[in-house]
PDB file of N, CA and C in Angstrom:
ATOM      1  N   MET A   1       0.778  -1.244   0.025  1.00  0.00           N
ATOM      2  CA  MET A   1      -0.081  -0.039   0.133  1.00  0.00           C
ATOM      3  C   MET A   1       0.727   1.196   0.054  1.00  0.00           C
ATOM      4  N   VAL A   2       0.608   2.161  -0.743  1.00  0.00           N
ATOM      5  CA  VAL A   2       1.405   3.418  -1.085  1.00  0.00           C
ATOM      6  C   VAL A   2       0.941   4.283   0.079  1.00  0.00           C
ATOM      7  N   LYS A   3       1.794   4.808   0.955  1.00  0.00           N
ATOM      8  CA  LYS A   3       1.507   5.610   2.024  1.00  0.00           C
ATOM      9  C   LYS A   3       1.390   7.255   1.545  1.00  0.00           C
ATOM     10  N   ALA A   4       0.774   7.886   2.276  1.00  0.00           N
ATOM     11  CA  ALA A   4       0.445   9.246   1.888  1.00  0.00           C
ATOM     12  C   ALA A   4       1.664  10.149   1.986  1.00  0.00           C
ATOM     13  N   PRO A   5       1.850  11.361   0.998  1.00  0.00           N
ATOM     14  CA  PRO A   5       3.211  11.950   0.960  1.00  0.00           C
ATOM     15  C   PRO A   5       3.430  12.501   2.330  1.00  0.00           C
ATOM     16  N   GLU A   6       2.469  13.030   3.068  1.00  0.00           N
ATOM     17  CA  GLU A   6       2.627  13.572   4.565  1.00  0.00           C
ATOM     18  C   GLU A   6       3.194  12.585   5.496  1.00  0.00           C
ATOM     19  N   GLU A   7       3.005  11.246   5.232  1.00  0.00           N
ATOM     20  CA  GLU A   7       3.903  10.423   6.113  1.00  0.00           C
ATOM     21  C   GLU A   7       5.338  10.167   5.878  1.00  0.00           C
ATOM     22  N   HIS A   8       5.671  10.669   4.756  1.00  0.00           N
ATOM     23  CA  HIS A   8       7.265  10.469   4.437  1.00  0.00           C
ATOM     24  C   HIS A   8       7.488  11.757   3.563  1.00  0.00           C
ATOM     25  N   PRO A   9       7.682  13.012   4.005  1.00  0.00           N
ATOM     26  CA  PRO A   9       8.143  13.990   3.548  1.00  0.00           C
ATOM     27  C   PRO A   9       9.413  14.144   2.953  1.00  0.00           C
ATOM     28  N   GLU A  10      10.283  13.229   3.678  1.00  0.00           N
ATOM     29  CA  GLU A  10      11.637  13.139   3.315  1.00  0.00           C
ATOM     30  C   GLU A  10      11.975  12.557   2.096  1.00  0.00           C
ATOM     31  N   ILE A  11      11.110  11.726   1.412  1.00  0.00           N
ATOM     32  CA  ILE A  11      11.117  10.771   0.163  1.00  0.00           C
ATOM     33  C   ILE A  11      10.665  11.800  -0.862  1.00  0.00           C
ATOM     34  N   PRO A  12      11.567  12.036  -1.772  1.00  0.00           N
ATOM     35  CA  PRO A  12      11.170  12.931  -2.786  1.00  0.00           C
ATOM     36  C   PRO A  12       9.889  12.696  -3.832  1.00  0.00           C
ATOM     37  N   GLN A  13       9.358  13.668  -4.297  1.00  0.00           N
ATOM     38  CA  GLN A  13       8.374  13.462  -5.087  1.00  0.00           C
ATOM     39  C   GLN A  13       8.813  13.070  -6.657  1.00  0.00           C
ATOM     40  N   GLY A  14       7.921  12.180  -7.378  1.00  0.00           N
ATOM     41  CA  GLY A  14       8.441  11.696  -8.544  1.00  0.00           C
ATOM     42  C   GLY A  14       8.713  10.297  -8.522  1.00  0.00           C
ATOM     43  N   VAL A  15       9.350   9.877  -9.675  1.00  0.00           N
ATOM     44  CA  VAL A  15       9.792   8.388  -9.922  1.00  0.00           C
ATOM     45  C   VAL A  15      11.346   8.318  -9.613  1.00  0.00           C
ATOM     46  N   TYR A  16      11.941   9.327  -9.090  1.00  0.00           N
ATOM     47  CA  TYR A  16      13.482   9.062  -8.976  1.00  0.00           C
ATOM     48  C   TYR A  16      13.717   9.433  -7.431  1.00  0.00           C
ATOM     49  N   CYS A  17      14.782   8.660  -6.990  1.00  0.00           N
ATOM     50  CA  CYS A  17      15.286   8.750  -5.649  1.00  0.00           C
ATOM     51  C   CYS A  17      16.028  10.277  -5.254  1.00  0.00           C
ATOM     52  N   TYR A  18      15.513  11.071  -6.081  1.00  0.00           N
ATOM     53  CA  TYR A  18      16.215  12.509  -5.752  1.00  0.00           C
ATOM     54  C   TYR A  18      15.121  13.561  -6.163  1.00  0.00           C
ATOM     55  N   THR A  19      15.491  14.780  -5.714  1.00  0.00           N
ATOM     56  CA  THR A  19      14.804  15.969  -6.178  1.00  0.00           C
ATOM     57  C   THR A  19      15.812  16.712  -7.162  1.00  0.00           C
ATOM     58  N   LEU A  20      15.601  17.319  -8.394  1.00  0.00           N
ATOM     59  CA  LEU A  20      16.462  17.974  -9.145  1.00  0.00           C
ATOM     60  C   LEU A  20      16.397  19.283  -8.700  1.00  0.00           C
ATOM     61  N   LEU A  21      17.487  19.976  -8.276  1.00  0.00           N
ATOM     62  CA  LEU A  21      17.518  21.171  -7.920  1.00  0.00           C
ATOM     63  C   LEU A  21      17.924  22.213  -9.045  1.00  0.00           C
ATOM     64  N   SER A  22      18.889  21.982  -9.930  1.00  0.00           N
ATOM     65  CA  SER A  22      19.301  22.793 -10.901  1.00  0.00           C
ATOM     66  C   SER A  22      20.217  21.676 -12.146  1.00  0.00           C
ATOM     67  N   VAL A  23      20.447  22.327 -13.050  1.00  0.00           N
ATOM     68  CA  VAL A  23      21.357  21.821 -14.154  1.00  0.00           C
ATOM     69  C   VAL A  23      22.174  22.793 -14.621  1.00  0.00           C
ATOM     70  N   GLU A  24      23.582  22.537 -14.571  1.00  0.00           N
ATOM     71  CA  GLU A  24      24.623  23.191 -14.782  1.00  0.00           C
ATOM     72  C   GLU A  24      25.299  22.772 -16.227  1.00  0.00           C
ATOM     73  N   ILE A  25      25.420  23.730 -17.342  1.00  0.00           N
ATOM     74  CA  ILE A  25      25.930  23.427 -18.399  1.00  0.00           C
ATOM     75  C   ILE A  25      27.294  23.971 -18.717  1.00  0.00           C
ATOM     76  N   ASN A  26      28.362  23.148 -18.936  1.00  0.00           N
ATOM     77  CA  ASN A  26      29.711  23.378 -19.053  1.00  0.00           C
ATOM     78  C   ASN A  26      30.055  23.042 -20.396  1.00  0.00           C
ATOM     79  N   GLN A  27      30.583  23.902 -21.263  1.00  0.00           N
ATOM     80  CA  GLN A  27      31.119  23.415 -22.582  1.00  0.00           C
ATOM     81  C   GLN A  27      32.134  22.418 -22.549  1.00  0.00           C
ATOM     82  N   LYS A  28      32.987  22.401 -21.587  1.00  0.00           N
ATOM     83  CA  LYS A  28      34.097  21.352 -21.409  1.00  0.00           C
ATOM     84  C   LYS A  28      33.720  19.883 -20.891  1.00  0.00           C
ATOM     85  N   GLU A  29      32.764  20.107 -20.046  1.00  0.00           N
ATOM     86  CA  GLU A  29      32.389  19.045 -19.056  1.00  0.00           C
ATOM     87  C   GLU A  29      31.056  18.465 -19.395  1.00  0.00           C
ATOM     88  N   GLY A  30      30.197  19.129 -20.383  1.00  0.00           N
ATOM     89  CA  GLY A  30      28.745  18.768 -20.569  1.00  0.00           C
ATOM     90  C   GLY A  30      27.849  19.207 -19.435  1.00  0.00           C
ATOM     91  N   PHE A  31      26.923  18.453 -18.805  1.00  0.00           N
ATOM     92  CA  PHE A  31      26.113  19.112 -17.895  1.00  0.00           C
ATOM     93  C   PHE A  31      26.253  18.103 -16.532  1.00  0.00           C
ATOM     94  N   LYS A  32      25.993  18.902 -15.568  1.00  0.00           N
ATOM     95  CA  LYS A  32      25.848  18.403 -14.084  1.00  0.00           C
ATOM     96  C   LYS A  32      24.415  18.665 -13.427  1.00  0.00           C
ATOM     97  N   LEU A  33      23.972  17.567 -13.101  1.00  0.00           N
ATOM     98  CA  LEU A  33      22.641  17.624 -12.294  1.00  0.00           C
ATOM     99  C   LEU A  33      22.982  17.911 -10.682  1.00  0.00           C
ATOM    100  N   ASN A  34      22.420  18.952 -10.357  1.00  0.00           N
ATOM    101  CA  ASN A  34      22.569  19.183  -8.950  1.00  0.00           C
ATOM    102  C   ASN A  34      21.113  18.889  -8.239  1.00  0.00           C
ATOM    103  N   LYS A  35      21.257  17.703  -7.380  1.00  0.00           N
ATOM    104  CA  LYS A  35      20.113  17.082  -6.700  1.00  0.00           C
ATOM    105  C   LYS A  35      20.303  16.932  -5.321  1.00  0.00           C
ATOM    106  N   LYS A  36      18.900  16.824  -4.572  1.00  0.00           N
ATOM    107  CA  LYS A  36      18.880  16.395  -3.311  1.00  0.00           C
ATOM    108  C   LYS A  36      18.511  14.864  -3.290  1.00  0.00           C
ATOM    109  N   VAL A  37      19.428  14.158  -2.910  1.00  0.00           N
ATOM    110  CA  VAL A  37      19.009  12.612  -2.869  1.00  0.00           C
ATOM    111  C   VAL A  37      18.364  12.111  -1.718  1.00  0.00           C
ATOM    112  N   CYS A  38      17.426  11.245  -1.929  1.00  0.00           N
ATOM    113  CA  CYS A  38      16.596  10.607  -0.821  1.00  0.00           C
ATOM    114  C   CYS A  38      17.676  10.089   0.206  1.00  0.00           C
ATOM    115  N   PRO A  39      17.255  10.155   1.528  1.00  0.00           N
ATOM    116  CA  PRO A  39      17.996   9.866   2.546  1.00  0.00           C
ATOM    117  C   PRO A  39      18.205   8.271   2.809  1.00  0.00           C
ATOM    118  N   TYR A  40      17.320   7.669   2.207  1.00  0.00           N
ATOM    119  CA  TYR A  40      17.215   6.212   2.182  1.00  0.00           C
ATOM    120  C   TYR A  40      18.116   5.569   1.131  1.00  0.00           C
ATOM    121  N   TRP A  41      18.445   6.502  -0.016  1.00  0.00           N
ATOM    122  CA  TRP A  41      19.165   5.650  -1.005  1.00  0.00           C
ATOM    123  C   TRP A  41      20.761   5.776  -0.836  1.00  0.00           C
ATOM    124  N   SER A  42      21.449   4.489  -1.214  1.00  0.00           N
ATOM    125  CA  SER A  42      22.903   4.536  -1.365  1.00  0.00           C
ATOM    126  C   SER A  42      23.150   3.464  -2.437  1.00  0.00           C
ATOM    127  N   LEU A  43      24.597   3.259  -2.430  1.00  0.00           N
ATOM    128  CA  LEU A  43      25.164   2.447  -3.295  1.00  0.00           C
ATOM    129  C   LEU A  43      25.980   1.440  -2.400  1.00  0.00           C
ATOM    130  N   ASP A  44      26.034   0.118  -2.747  1.00  0.00           N
ATOM    131  CA  ASP A  44      26.782  -0.783  -2.082  1.00  0.00           C
ATOM    132  C   ASP A  44      28.201  -0.949  -2.858  1.00  0.00           C
ATOM    133  N   PRO A  45      29.265  -0.464  -2.297  1.00  0.00           N
ATOM    134  CA  PRO A  45      30.602  -0.557  -3.045  1.00  0.00           C
ATOM    135  C   PRO A  45      31.217  -2.188  -3.081  1.00  0.00           C
ATOM    136  N   GLU A  46      30.532  -3.107  -2.301  1.00  0.00           N
ATOM    137  CA  GLU A  46      30.840  -4.419  -2.413  1.00  0.00           C
ATOM    138  C   GLU A  46      30.102  -5.140  -3.572  1.00  0.00           C
ATOM    139  N   ARG A  47      29.126  -4.493  -4.235  1.00  0.00           N
ATOM    140  CA  ARG A  47      28.369  -4.940  -5.322  1.00  0.00           C
ATOM    141  C   ARG A  47      28.928  -4.449  -6.772  1.00  0.00           C
ATOM    142  N   PRO A  48      28.529  -5.398  -7.929  1.00  0.00           N
ATOM    143  CA  PRO A  48      29.003  -4.825  -9.009  1.00  0.00           C
ATOM    144  C   PRO A  48      28.116  -3.627  -9.511  1.00  0.00           C
ATOM    145  N   SER A  49      28.883  -2.916 -10.415  1.00  0.00           N
ATOM    146  CA  SER A  49      27.885  -1.732 -10.862  1.00  0.00           C
ATOM    147  C   SER A  49      26.876  -2.243 -11.629  1.00  0.00           C
ATOM    148  N   GLN A  50      25.683  -1.235 -11.654  1.00  0.00           N
ATOM    149  CA  GLN A  50      24.514  -1.624 -11.963  1.00  0.00           C
ATOM    150  C   GLN A  50      23.751  -2.587 -11.375  1.00  0.00           C
ATOM    151  N   GLU A  51      24.245  -3.069 -10.187  1.00  0.00           N
ATOM    152  CA  GLU A  51      23.562  -4.182  -9.345  1.00  0.00           C
ATOM    153  C   GLU A  51      23.789  -3.740  -7.677  1.00  0.00           C
ATOM    154  N   ASN A  52      24.114  -2.455  -7.531  1.00  0.00           N
ATOM    155  CA  ASN A  52      24.562  -2.046  -6.287  1.00  0.00           C
ATOM    156  C   ASN A  52      23.774  -0.901  -5.581  1.00  0.00           C
ATOM    157  N   GLY A  53      22.577  -0.540  -6.025  1.00  0.00           N
ATOM    158  CA  GLY A  53      21.863   0.322  -5.554  1.00  0.00           C
ATOM    159  C   GLY A  53      21.067  -0.359  -4.260  1.00  0.00           C
ATOM    160  N   TYR A  54      20.810   0.474  -3.470  1.00  0.00           N
ATOM    161  CA  TYR A  54      20.292   0.092  -1.985  1.00  0.00           C
ATOM    162  C   TYR A  54      19.104   1.095  -1.323  1.00  0.00           C
ATOM    163  N   CYS A  55      18.073   0.596  -0.883  1.00  0.00           N
ATOM    164  CA  CYS A  55      17.269   1.344  -0.401  1.00  0.00           C
ATOM    165  C   CYS A  55      17.052   0.977   1.117  1.00  0.00           C
ATOM    166  N   SER A  56      17.306   1.822   2.109  1.00  0.00           N
ATOM    167  CA  SER A  56      17.307   1.525   3.498  1.00  0.00           C
ATOM    168  C   SER A  56      15.827   1.488   4.009  1.00  0.00           C
ATOM    169  N   PHE A  57      14.916   2.387   3.343  1.00  0.00           N
ATOM    170  CA  PHE A  57      13.571   2.313   3.619  1.00  0.00           C
ATOM    171  C   PHE A  57      12.878   0.897   3.319  1.00  0.00           C
ATOM    172  N   LEU A  58      13.190   0.332   2.353  1.00  0.00           N
ATOM    173  CA  LEU A  58      12.624  -1.080   1.874  1.00  0.00           C
ATOM    174  C   LEU A  58      13.560  -2.067   2.419  1.00  0.00           C
ATOM    175  N   LYS A  59      14.781  -1.773   2.759  1.00  0.00           N
ATOM    176  CA  LYS A  59      15.716  -2.752   3.394  1.00  0.00           C
ATOM    177  C   LYS A  59      16.129  -3.813   2.423  1.00  0.00           C
ATOM    178  N   LYS A  60      16.360  -3.232   0.997  1.00  0.00           N
ATOM    179  CA  LYS A  60      16.374  -4.052  -0.314  1.00  0.00           C
ATOM    180  C   LYS A  60      17.369  -3.392  -1.207  1.00  0.00           C
ATOM    181  N   GLY A  61      18.165  -4.324  -1.851  1.00  0.00           N
ATOM    182  CA  GLY A  61      18.947  -3.828  -2.704  1.00  0.00           C
ATOM    183  C   GLY A  61      18.702  -4.385  -4.260  1.00  0.00           C
ATOM    184  N   ASP A  62      19.272  -3.807  -5.241  1.00  0.00           N
ATOM    185  CA  ASP A  62      18.975  -4.239  -6.744  1.00  0.00           C
ATOM    186  C   ASP A  62      19.079  -5.872  -6.762  1.00  0.00           C
ATOM    187  N   TRP A  63      19.948  -6.391  -6.132  1.00  0.00           N
ATOM    188  CA  TRP A  63      20.142  -7.826  -6.267  1.00  0.00           C
ATOM    189  C   TRP A  63      18.982  -8.688  -5.721  1.00  0.00           C
ATOM    190  N   GLU A  64      18.063  -7.954  -4.937  1.00  0.00           N
ATOM    191  CA  GLU A  64      16.727  -8.409  -4.321  1.00  0.00           C
ATOM    192  C   GLU A  64      15.455  -8.218  -4.974  1.00  0.00           C
ATOM    193  N   LEU A  65      15.649  -7.259  -5.872  1.00  0.00           N
ATOM    194  CA  LEU A  65      14.238  -6.662  -6.779  1.00  0.00           C
ATOM    195  C   LEU A  65      14.368  -7.224  -8.188  1.00  0.00           C
ATOM    196  N   LYS A  66      13.152  -7.476  -8.751  1.00  0.00           N
ATOM    197  CA  LYS A  66      13.067  -7.887 -10.020  1.00  0.00           C
ATOM    198  C   LYS A  66      13.513  -6.670 -11.118  1.00  0.00           C
ATOM    199  N   SER A  67      13.168  -5.358 -10.780  1.00  0.00           N
ATOM    200  CA  SER A  67      13.431  -4.424 -11.689  1.00  0.00           C
ATOM    201  C   SER A  67      15.027  -3.997 -11.493  1.00  0.00           C
ATOM    202  N   GLY A  68      15.410  -3.917 -10.352  1.00  0.00           N
ATOM    203  CA  GLY A  68      16.837  -3.633  -9.949  1.00  0.00           C
ATOM    204  C   GLY A  68      17.310  -2.344 -10.635  1.00  0.00           C
ATOM    205  N   LEU A  69      16.592  -1.219 -10.439  1.00  0.00           N
ATOM    206  CA  LEU A  69      17.050   0.083 -10.976  1.00  0.00           C
ATOM    207  C   LEU A  69      17.470   1.089  -9.972  1.00  0.00           C
ATOM    208  N   LEU A  70      17.634   0.566  -8.794  1.00  0.00           N
ATOM    209  CA  LEU A  70      18.023   1.397  -7.435  1.00  0.00           C
ATOM    210  C   LEU A  70      19.396   2.132  -7.924  1.00  0.00           C
ATOM    211  N   TRP A  71      20.314   1.378  -8.495  1.00  0.00           N
ATOM    212  CA  TRP A  71      21.473   2.018  -8.861  1.00  0.00           C
ATOM    213  C   TRP A  71      21.363   3.129  -9.740  1.00  0.00           C
ATOM    214  N   ASP A  72      20.326   3.241 -10.538  1.00  0.00           N
ATOM    215  CA  ASP A  72      20.241   4.395 -11.309  1.00  0.00           C
ATOM    216  C   ASP A  72      19.162   5.555 -10.692  1.00  0.00           C
ATOM    217  N   GLN A  73      18.960   5.185  -9.600  1.00  0.00           N
ATOM    218  CA  GLN A  73      18.228   6.112  -8.677  1.00  0.00           C
ATOM    219  C   GLN A  73      16.736   6.259  -9.140  1.00  0.00           C
ATOM    220  N   CYS A  74      16.423   5.039  -9.759  1.00  0.00           N
ATOM    221  CA  CYS A  74      14.773   4.941  -9.930  1.00  0.00           C
ATOM    222  C   CYS A  74      14.088   4.172  -8.577  1.00  0.00           C
ATOM    223  N   LYS A  75      12.970   5.050  -8.267  1.00  0.00           N
ATOM    224  CA  LYS A  75      12.384   4.365  -6.968  1.00  0.00           C
ATOM    225  C   LYS A  75      11.674   3.154  -7.223  1.00  0.00           C
ATOM    226  N   GLU A  76      11.735   2.272  -6.185  1.00  0.00           N
ATOM    227  CA  GLU A  76      11.151   1.096  -5.944  1.00  0.00           C
ATOM    228  C   GLU A  76      10.160   1.207  -4.770  1.00  0.00           C
ATOM    229  N   CYS A  77      10.214   2.213  -3.881  1.00  0.00           N
ATOM    230  CA  CYS A  77       9.221   2.167  -2.867  1.00  0.00           C
ATOM    231  C   CYS A  77       7.826   2.588  -3.104  1.00  0.00           C
ATOM    232  N   GLY A  78       7.487   3.317  -4.218  1.00  0.00           N
ATOM    233  CA  GLY A  78       6.249   3.464  -4.541  1.00  0.00           C
ATOM    234  C   GLY A  78       5.587   4.662  -3.537  1.00  0.00           C
ATOM    235  N   ILE A  79       6.470   5.393  -2.735  1.00  0.00           N
ATOM    236  CA  ILE A  79       6.071   6.579  -1.927  1.00  0.00           C
ATOM    237  C   ILE A  79       6.225   7.764  -2.956  1.00  0.00           C
ATOM    238  N   ASN A  80       5.266   8.762  -2.771  1.00  0.00           N
ATOM    239  CA  ASN A  80       5.481  10.005  -3.447  1.00  0.00           C
ATOM    240  C   ASN A  80       5.797   9.940  -4.999  1.00  0.00           C
ATOM    241  N   ASP A  81       5.172   8.819  -5.573  1.00  0.00           N
ATOM    242  CA  ASP A  81       5.832   8.797  -7.018  1.00  0.00           C
ATOM    243  C   ASP A  81       4.761   9.112  -8.009  1.00  0.00           C
ATOM    244  N   GLU A  82       3.734   9.951  -7.485  1.00  0.00           N
ATOM    245  CA  GLU A  82       2.731  10.453  -8.612  1.00  0.00           C
ATOM    246  C   GLU A  82       3.543  11.421  -9.565  1.00  0.00           C
ATOM    247  N   VAL A  83       3.193  11.526 -10.713  1.00  0.00           N
ATOM    248  CA  VAL A  83       3.663  12.095 -11.728  1.00  0.00           C
ATOM    249  C   VAL A  83       2.526  12.912 -12.407  1.00  0.00           C
ATOM    250  N   GLU A  84       2.559  14.275 -12.522  1.00  0.00           N
ATOM    251  CA  GLU A  84       1.666  15.179 -12.940  1.00  0.00           C
ATOM    252  C   GLU A  84       1.914  15.007 -14.590  1.00  0.00           C
ATOM    253  N   GLU A  85       0.640  14.730 -15.080  1.00  0.00           N
ATOM    254  CA  GLU A  85       0.616  14.543 -16.595  1.00  0.00           C
ATOM    255  C   GLU A  85       0.552  16.020 -17.316  1.00  0.00           C
ATOM    256  N   VAL A  86       1.246  16.209 -18.418  1.00  0.00           N
ATOM    257  CA  VAL A  86       1.331  17.356 -19.080  1.00  0.00           C
ATOM    258  C   VAL A  86       0.560  17.299 -20.273  1.00  0.00           C
ATOM    259  N   GLU A  87      -0.412  18.343 -20.460  1.00  0.00           N
ATOM    260  CA  GLU A  87      -1.200  18.109 -21.522  1.00  0.00           C
ATOM    261  C   GLU A  87      -0.653  18.706 -22.926  1.00  0.00           C
TER     262      GLU A  87
END
């Protein structure tokens, strides 16, 4: 069951494990996303790349989930993941 946003305001809105704050564009380095990351998201340095995402809210990692996209900061918790449709 998805919990109401007011129950977990620390979890970002949307489908990602972060809130996008700004984008910096640099001709030499390309672009950089400045973001506030969910406090429950992390990477496990002992796991291989693209299998190392971990959510301490769920107490699960990519290696335990079917979709396994935590490494890419895609939410698995289902909290605050409503997306407004643009017409």
